[in-house]
Amino acid sequence: MYFDRFDICEAWYLALSEEHSGQWSEAYARLSRLTGYFNPSPVLSVDSLTENGRVIYDNAIAALTSQSQQ
């Protein structure tokens, strides 16, 4: 995994979109802040991520899942 802002934004956008637990959750607030400076492609999907983006996405999902279970 390496630092690439575009990969990070795409991966976290997808992860937060899938794993937020409603409008009043912290994940939803993070998603809202992210969309303040990142406008994703209409065809963005997990399959369109780079290899680096996929690793970031998988780590983001794991982090969000563990937070929701606490």
PDB file of N, CA and C in Angstrom:
ATOM      1  N   MET A   1       0.853  -1.164   0.000  1.00  0.00           N
ATOM      2  CA  MET A   1       0.000   0.000   0.000  1.00  0.00           C
ATOM      3  C   MET A   1       0.904   1.234   0.000  1.00  0.00           C
ATOM      4  N   TYR A   2       0.528   2.227  -0.784  1.00  0.00           N
ATOM      5  CA  TYR A   2       1.276   3.474  -0.836  1.00  0.00           C
ATOM      6  C   TYR A   2       0.303   4.645  -0.811  1.00  0.00           C
ATOM      7  N   PHE A   3       0.834   5.835  -0.542  1.00  0.00           N
ATOM      8  CA  PHE A   3       0.008   7.030  -0.402  1.00  0.00           C
ATOM      9  C   PHE A   3      -0.375   7.570  -1.772  1.00  0.00           C
ATOM     10  N   ASP A   4      -1.661   7.595  -2.052  1.00  0.00           N
ATOM     11  CA  ASP A   4      -2.210   8.191  -3.268  1.00  0.00           C
ATOM     12  C   ASP A   4      -3.558   8.798  -2.877  1.00  0.00           C
ATOM     13  N   ARG A   5      -3.644  10.110  -2.889  1.00  0.00           N
ATOM     14  CA  ARG A   5      -4.861  10.791  -2.411  1.00  0.00           C
ATOM     15  C   ARG A   5      -6.100  10.358  -3.160  1.00  0.00           C
ATOM     16  N   PHE A   6      -5.977  10.163  -4.458  1.00  0.00           N
ATOM     17  CA  PHE A   6      -7.128   9.761  -5.248  1.00  0.00           C
ATOM     18  C   PHE A   6      -7.619   8.381  -4.829  1.00  0.00           C
ATOM     19  N   ASP A   7      -6.697   7.436  -4.653  1.00  0.00           N
ATOM     20  CA  ASP A   7      -7.064   6.093  -4.190  1.00  0.00           C
ATOM     21  C   ASP A   7      -7.724   6.153  -2.818  1.00  0.00           C
ATOM     22  N   ILE A   8      -7.172   6.980  -1.940  1.00  0.00           N
ATOM     23  CA  ILE A   8      -7.716   7.105  -0.581  1.00  0.00           C
ATOM     24  C   ILE A   8      -9.139   7.646  -0.619  1.00  0.00           C
ATOM     25  N   CYS A   9      -9.363   8.700  -1.386  1.00  0.00           N
ATOM     26  CA  CYS A   9     -10.704   9.295  -1.475  1.00  0.00           C
ATOM     27  C   CYS A   9     -11.706   8.315  -2.068  1.00  0.00           C
ATOM     28  N   GLU A  10     -11.325   7.657  -3.160  1.00  0.00           N
ATOM     29  CA  GLU A  10     -12.246   6.688  -3.774  1.00  0.00           C
ATOM     30  C   GLU A  10     -12.582   5.552  -2.819  1.00  0.00           C
ATOM     31  N   ALA A  11     -11.562   4.992  -2.189  1.00  0.00           N
ATOM     32  CA  ALA A  11     -11.770   3.843  -1.308  1.00  0.00           C
ATOM     33  C   ALA A  11     -12.629   4.219  -0.100  1.00  0.00           C
ATOM     34  N   TRP A  12     -12.320   5.336   0.533  1.00  0.00           N
ATOM     35  CA  TRP A  12     -13.095   5.742   1.709  1.00  0.00           C
ATOM     36  C   TRP A  12     -14.504   6.162   1.319  1.00  0.00           C
ATOM     37  N   TYR A  13     -14.679   6.770   0.165  1.00  0.00           N
ATOM     38  CA  TYR A  13     -16.023   7.135  -0.284  1.00  0.00           C
ATOM     39  C   TYR A  13     -16.894   5.880  -0.400  1.00  0.00           C
ATOM     40  N   LEU A  14     -16.362   4.862  -1.055  1.00  0.00           N
ATOM     41  CA  LEU A  14     -17.130   3.622  -1.213  1.00  0.00           C
ATOM     42  C   LEU A  14     -17.391   2.948   0.134  1.00  0.00           C
ATOM     43  N   ALA A  15     -16.368   2.874   0.969  1.00  0.00           N
ATOM     44  CA  ALA A  15     -16.527   2.222   2.274  1.00  0.00           C
ATOM     45  C   ALA A  15     -17.549   2.948   3.142  1.00  0.00           C
ATOM     46  N   LEU A  16     -17.448   4.269   3.204  1.00  0.00           N
ATOM     47  CA  LEU A  16     -18.389   5.036   4.022  1.00  0.00           C
ATOM     48  C   LEU A  16     -19.803   4.978   3.452  1.00  0.00           C
ATOM     49  N   SER A  17     -19.915   4.938   2.138  1.00  0.00           N
ATOM     50  CA  SER A  17     -21.243   4.840   1.511  1.00  0.00           C
ATOM     51  C   SER A  17     -21.930   3.526   1.862  1.00  0.00           C
ATOM     52  N   GLU A  18     -21.146   2.474   1.948  1.00  0.00           N
ATOM     53  CA  GLU A  18     -21.707   1.145   2.211  1.00  0.00           C
ATOM     54  C   GLU A  18     -21.910   0.858   3.694  1.00  0.00           C
ATOM     55  N   GLU A  19     -21.069   1.414   4.540  1.00  0.00           N
ATOM     56  CA  GLU A  19     -21.054   0.998   5.942  1.00  0.00           C
ATOM     57  C   GLU A  19     -21.577   2.008   6.952  1.00  0.00           C
ATOM     58  N   HIS A  20     -22.043   3.180   6.525  1.00  0.00           N
ATOM     59  CA  HIS A  20     -22.564   4.112   7.528  1.00  0.00           C
ATOM     60  C   HIS A  20     -23.871   3.557   8.077  1.00  0.00           C
ATOM     61  N   SER A  21     -24.171   3.918   9.308  1.00  0.00           N
ATOM     62  CA  SER A  21     -25.359   3.346   9.953  1.00  0.00           C
ATOM     63  C   SER A  21     -26.449   4.392  10.155  1.00  0.00           C
ATOM     64  N   GLY A  22     -26.638   5.206   9.169  1.00  0.00           N
ATOM     65  CA  GLY A  22     -27.718   6.181   9.230  1.00  0.00           C
ATOM     66  C   GLY A  22     -27.229   7.616   9.251  1.00  0.00           C
ATOM     67  N   GLN A  23     -28.155   8.505   9.046  1.00  0.00           N
ATOM     68  CA  GLN A  23     -27.863   9.917   8.896  1.00  0.00           C
ATOM     69  C   GLN A  23     -27.173  10.524  10.109  1.00  0.00           C
ATOM     70  N   TRP A  24     -27.388  10.018  11.274  1.00  0.00           N
ATOM     71  CA  TRP A  24     -26.826  10.622  12.481  1.00  0.00           C
ATOM     72  C   TRP A  24     -25.548   9.941  12.942  1.00  0.00           C
ATOM     73  N   SER A  25     -25.007   9.045  12.146  1.00  0.00           N
ATOM     74  CA  SER A  25     -23.790   8.338  12.539  1.00  0.00           C
ATOM     75  C   SER A  25     -22.541   9.156  12.201  1.00  0.00           C
ATOM     76  N   GLU A  26     -21.446   8.826  12.888  1.00  0.00           N
ATOM     77  CA  GLU A  26     -20.162   9.485  12.615  1.00  0.00           C
ATOM     78  C   GLU A  26     -19.678   9.158  11.201  1.00  0.00           C
ATOM     79  N   ALA A  27     -19.917   7.941  10.733  1.00  0.00           N
ATOM     80  CA  ALA A  27     -19.495   7.564   9.379  1.00  0.00           C
ATOM     81  C   ALA A  27     -20.221   8.410   8.327  1.00  0.00           C
ATOM     82  N   TYR A  28     -21.478   8.704   8.559  1.00  0.00           N
ATOM     83  CA  TYR A  28     -22.236   9.545   7.627  1.00  0.00           C
ATOM     84  C   TYR A  28     -21.684  10.968   7.630  1.00  0.00           C
ATOM     85  N   ALA A  29     -21.308  11.458   8.798  1.00  0.00           N
ATOM     86  CA  ALA A  29     -20.714  12.789   8.895  1.00  0.00           C
ATOM     87  C   ALA A  29     -19.381  12.835   8.148  1.00  0.00           C
ATOM     88  N   ARG A  30     -18.591  11.778   8.265  1.00  0.00           N
ATOM     89  CA  ARG A  30     -17.323  11.700   7.526  1.00  0.00           C
ATOM     90  C   ARG A  30     -17.575  11.670   6.031  1.00  0.00           C
ATOM     91  N   LEU A  31     -18.578  10.923   5.605  1.00  0.00           N
ATOM     92  CA  LEU A  31     -18.927  10.866   4.189  1.00  0.00           C
ATOM     93  C   LEU A  31     -19.334  12.249   3.681  1.00  0.00           C
ATOM     94  N   SER A  32     -20.091  12.982   4.470  1.00  0.00           N
ATOM     95  CA  SER A  32     -20.519  14.320   4.086  1.00  0.00           C
ATOM     96  C   SER A  32     -19.324  15.263   3.953  1.00  0.00           C
ATOM     97  N   ARG A  33     -18.389  15.168   4.887  1.00  0.00           N
ATOM     98  CA  ARG A  33     -17.183  16.008   4.802  1.00  0.00           C
ATOM     99  C   ARG A  33     -16.358  15.642   3.580  1.00  0.00           C
ATOM    100  N   LEU A  34     -16.251  14.357   3.280  1.00  0.00           N
ATOM    101  CA  LEU A  34     -15.483  13.900   2.127  1.00  0.00           C
ATOM    102  C   LEU A  34     -16.069  14.438   0.826  1.00  0.00           C
ATOM    103  N   THR A  35     -17.382  14.433   0.714  1.00  0.00           N
ATOM    104  CA  THR A  35     -18.005  14.915  -0.522  1.00  0.00           C
ATOM    105  C   THR A  35     -17.907  16.429  -0.659  1.00  0.00           C
ATOM    106  N   GLY A  36     -17.441  17.111   0.380  1.00  0.00           N
ATOM    107  CA  GLY A  36     -17.197  18.541   0.291  1.00  0.00           C
ATOM    108  C   GLY A  36     -16.024  18.877  -0.611  1.00  0.00           C
ATOM    109  N   TYR A  37     -15.096  17.944  -0.790  1.00  0.00           N
ATOM    110  CA  TYR A  37     -13.928  18.190  -1.644  1.00  0.00           C
ATOM    111  C   TYR A  37     -13.666  17.075  -2.655  1.00  0.00           C
ATOM    112  N   PHE A  38     -14.457  16.019  -2.630  1.00  0.00           N
ATOM    113  CA  PHE A  38     -14.277  14.911  -3.561  1.00  0.00           C
ATOM    114  C   PHE A  38     -15.587  14.632  -4.269  1.00  0.00           C
ATOM    115  N   ASN A  39     -15.566  14.704  -5.586  1.00  0.00           N
ATOM    116  CA  ASN A  39     -16.740  14.428  -6.405  1.00  0.00           C
ATOM    117  C   ASN A  39     -16.469  13.137  -7.184  1.00  0.00           C
ATOM    118  N   PRO A  40     -17.027  12.010  -6.742  1.00  0.00           N
ATOM    119  CA  PRO A  40     -16.696  10.723  -7.363  1.00  0.00           C
ATOM    120  C   PRO A  40     -17.288  10.580  -8.765  1.00  0.00           C
ATOM    121  N   SER A  41     -16.655   9.743  -9.521  1.00  0.00           N
ATOM    122  CA  SER A  41     -17.158   9.404 -10.845  1.00  0.00           C
ATOM    123  C   SER A  41     -18.475   8.640 -10.710  1.00  0.00           C
ATOM    124  N   PRO A  42     -19.408   8.843 -11.635  1.00  0.00           N
ATOM    125  CA  PRO A  42     -20.670   8.103 -11.566  1.00  0.00           C
ATOM    126  C   PRO A  42     -20.494   6.588 -11.729  1.00  0.00           C
ATOM    127  N   VAL A  43     -19.390   6.172 -12.304  1.00  0.00           N
ATOM    128  CA  VAL A  43     -19.162   4.739 -12.519  1.00  0.00           C
ATOM    129  C   VAL A  43     -18.206   4.143 -11.485  1.00  0.00           C
ATOM    130  N   LEU A  44     -17.934   4.879 -10.406  1.00  0.00           N
ATOM    131  CA  LEU A  44     -17.044   4.384  -9.361  1.00  0.00           C
ATOM    132  C   LEU A  44     -17.654   3.160  -8.687  1.00  0.00           C
ATOM    133  N   SER A  45     -16.869   2.121  -8.592  1.00  0.00           N
ATOM    134  CA  SER A  45     -17.297   0.908  -7.896  1.00  0.00           C
ATOM    135  C   SER A  45     -16.063   0.227  -7.313  1.00  0.00           C
ATOM    136  N   VAL A  46     -16.278  -0.759  -6.502  1.00  0.00           N
ATOM    137  CA  VAL A  46     -15.166  -1.500  -5.916  1.00  0.00           C
ATOM    138  C   VAL A  46     -14.335  -2.132  -7.027  1.00  0.00           C
ATOM    139  N   ASP A  47     -14.996  -2.597  -8.075  1.00  0.00           N
ATOM    140  CA  ASP A  47     -14.276  -3.231  -9.184  1.00  0.00           C
ATOM    141  C   ASP A  47     -13.412  -2.258  -9.965  1.00  0.00           C
ATOM    142  N   SER A  48     -13.718  -0.971  -9.917  1.00  0.00           N
ATOM    143  CA  SER A  48     -12.939   0.012 -10.675  1.00  0.00           C
ATOM    144  C   SER A  48     -11.756   0.566  -9.892  1.00  0.00           C
ATOM    145  N   LEU A  49     -11.609   0.178  -8.625  1.00  0.00           N
ATOM    146  CA  LEU A  49     -10.486   0.645  -7.812  1.00  0.00           C
ATOM    147  C   LEU A  49      -9.174   0.049  -8.313  1.00  0.00           C
ATOM    148  N   THR A  50      -8.093   0.803  -8.119  1.00  0.00           N
ATOM    149  CA  THR A  50      -6.772   0.251  -8.396  1.00  0.00           C
ATOM    150  C   THR A  50      -6.456  -0.801  -7.332  1.00  0.00           C
ATOM    151  N   GLU A  51      -5.366  -1.517  -7.535  1.00  0.00           N
ATOM    152  CA  GLU A  51      -4.968  -2.519  -6.544  1.00  0.00           C
ATOM    153  C   GLU A  51      -4.711  -1.848  -5.192  1.00  0.00           C
ATOM    154  N   ASN A  52      -4.043  -0.710  -5.215  1.00  0.00           N
ATOM    155  CA  ASN A  52      -3.789   0.056  -4.004  1.00  0.00           C
ATOM    156  C   ASN A  52      -5.105   0.529  -3.384  1.00  0.00           C
ATOM    157  N   GLY A  53      -6.010   1.017  -4.207  1.00  0.00           N
ATOM    158  CA  GLY A  53      -7.312   1.460  -3.729  1.00  0.00           C
ATOM    159  C   GLY A  53      -8.093   0.331  -3.083  1.00  0.00           C
ATOM    160  N   ARG A  54      -7.975  -0.860  -3.620  1.00  0.00           N
ATOM    161  CA  ARG A  54      -8.683  -2.019  -3.064  1.00  0.00           C
ATOM    162  C   ARG A  54      -8.153  -2.379  -1.677  1.00  0.00           C
ATOM    163  N   VAL A  55      -6.839  -2.273  -1.490  1.00  0.00           N
ATOM    164  CA  VAL A  55      -6.255  -2.539  -0.170  1.00  0.00           C
ATOM    165  C   VAL A  55      -6.756  -1.502   0.834  1.00  0.00           C
ATOM    166  N   ILE A  56      -6.775  -0.245   0.430  1.00  0.00           N
ATOM    167  CA  ILE A  56      -7.269   0.823   1.298  1.00  0.00           C
ATOM    168  C   ILE A  56      -8.742   0.597   1.615  1.00  0.00           C
ATOM    169  N   TYR A  57      -9.527   0.222   0.620  1.00  0.00           N
ATOM    170  CA  TYR A  57     -10.954  -0.054   0.806  1.00  0.00           C
ATOM    171  C   TYR A  57     -11.166  -1.189   1.806  1.00  0.00           C
ATOM    172  N   ASP A  58     -10.438  -2.279   1.632  1.00  0.00           N
ATOM    173  CA  ASP A  58     -10.577  -3.422   2.545  1.00  0.00           C
ATOM    174  C   ASP A  58     -10.233  -3.029   3.978  1.00  0.00           C
ATOM    175  N   ASN A  59      -9.176  -2.233   4.153  1.00  0.00           N
ATOM    176  CA  ASN A  59      -8.808  -1.764   5.495  1.00  0.00           C
ATOM    177  C   ASN A  59      -9.874  -0.825   6.057  1.00  0.00           C
ATOM    178  N   ALA A  60     -10.447   0.018   5.230  1.00  0.00           N
ATOM    179  CA  ALA A  60     -11.497   0.943   5.670  1.00  0.00           C
ATOM    180  C   ALA A  60     -12.739   0.175   6.111  1.00  0.00           C
ATOM    181  N   ILE A  61     -13.136  -0.822   5.346  1.00  0.00           N
ATOM    182  CA  ILE A  61     -14.296  -1.648   5.705  1.00  0.00           C
ATOM    183  C   ILE A  61     -14.040  -2.344   7.041  1.00  0.00           C
ATOM    184  N   ALA A  62     -12.849  -2.881   7.216  1.00  0.00           N
ATOM    185  CA  ALA A  62     -12.519  -3.560   8.473  1.00  0.00           C
ATOM    186  C   ALA A  62     -12.589  -2.578   9.645  1.00  0.00           C
ATOM    187  N   ALA A  63     -12.068  -1.366   9.451  1.00  0.00           N
ATOM    188  CA  ALA A  63     -12.095  -0.365  10.516  1.00  0.00           C
ATOM    189  C   ALA A  63     -13.525   0.054  10.841  1.00  0.00           C
ATOM    190  N   LEU A  64     -14.331   0.277   9.829  1.00  0.00           N
ATOM    191  CA  LEU A  64     -15.716   0.700  10.046  1.00  0.00           C
ATOM    192  C   LEU A  64     -16.547  -0.412  10.679  1.00  0.00           C
ATOM    193  N   THR A  65     -16.299  -1.635  10.287  1.00  0.00           N
ATOM    194  CA  THR A  65     -17.027  -2.777  10.839  1.00  0.00           C
ATOM    195  C   THR A  65     -16.687  -2.956  12.315  1.00  0.00           C
ATOM    196  N   SER A  66     -15.408  -2.832  12.652  1.00  0.00           N
ATOM    197  CA  SER A  66     -15.023  -2.992  14.058  1.00  0.00           C
ATOM    198  C   SER A  66     -15.577  -1.854  14.912  1.00  0.00           C
ATOM    199  N   GLN A  67     -15.686  -0.634  14.364  1.00  0.00           N
ATOM    200  CA  GLN A  67     -16.262   0.487  15.103  1.00  0.00           C
ATOM    201  C   GLN A  67     -17.744   0.280  15.358  1.00  0.00           C
ATOM    202  N   SER A  68     -18.450  -0.273  14.397  1.00  0.00           N
ATOM    203  CA  SER A  68     -19.890  -0.471  14.550  1.00  0.00           C
ATOM    204  C   SER A  68     -20.220  -1.593  15.520  1.00  0.00           C
ATOM    205  N   GLN A  69     -19.292  -2.496  15.747  1.00  0.00           N
ATOM    206  CA  GLN A  69     -19.537  -3.609  16.669  1.00  0.00           C
ATOM    207  C   GLN A  69     -19.248  -3.245  18.110  1.00  0.00           C
ATOM    208  N   GLN A  70     -18.631  -2.094  18.341  1.00  0.00           N
ATOM    209  CA  GLN A  70     -18.313  -1.695  19.710  1.00  0.00           C
ATOM    210  C   GLN A  70     -19.480  -1.093  20.401  1.00  0.00           C
TER     211      GLN A  70
END
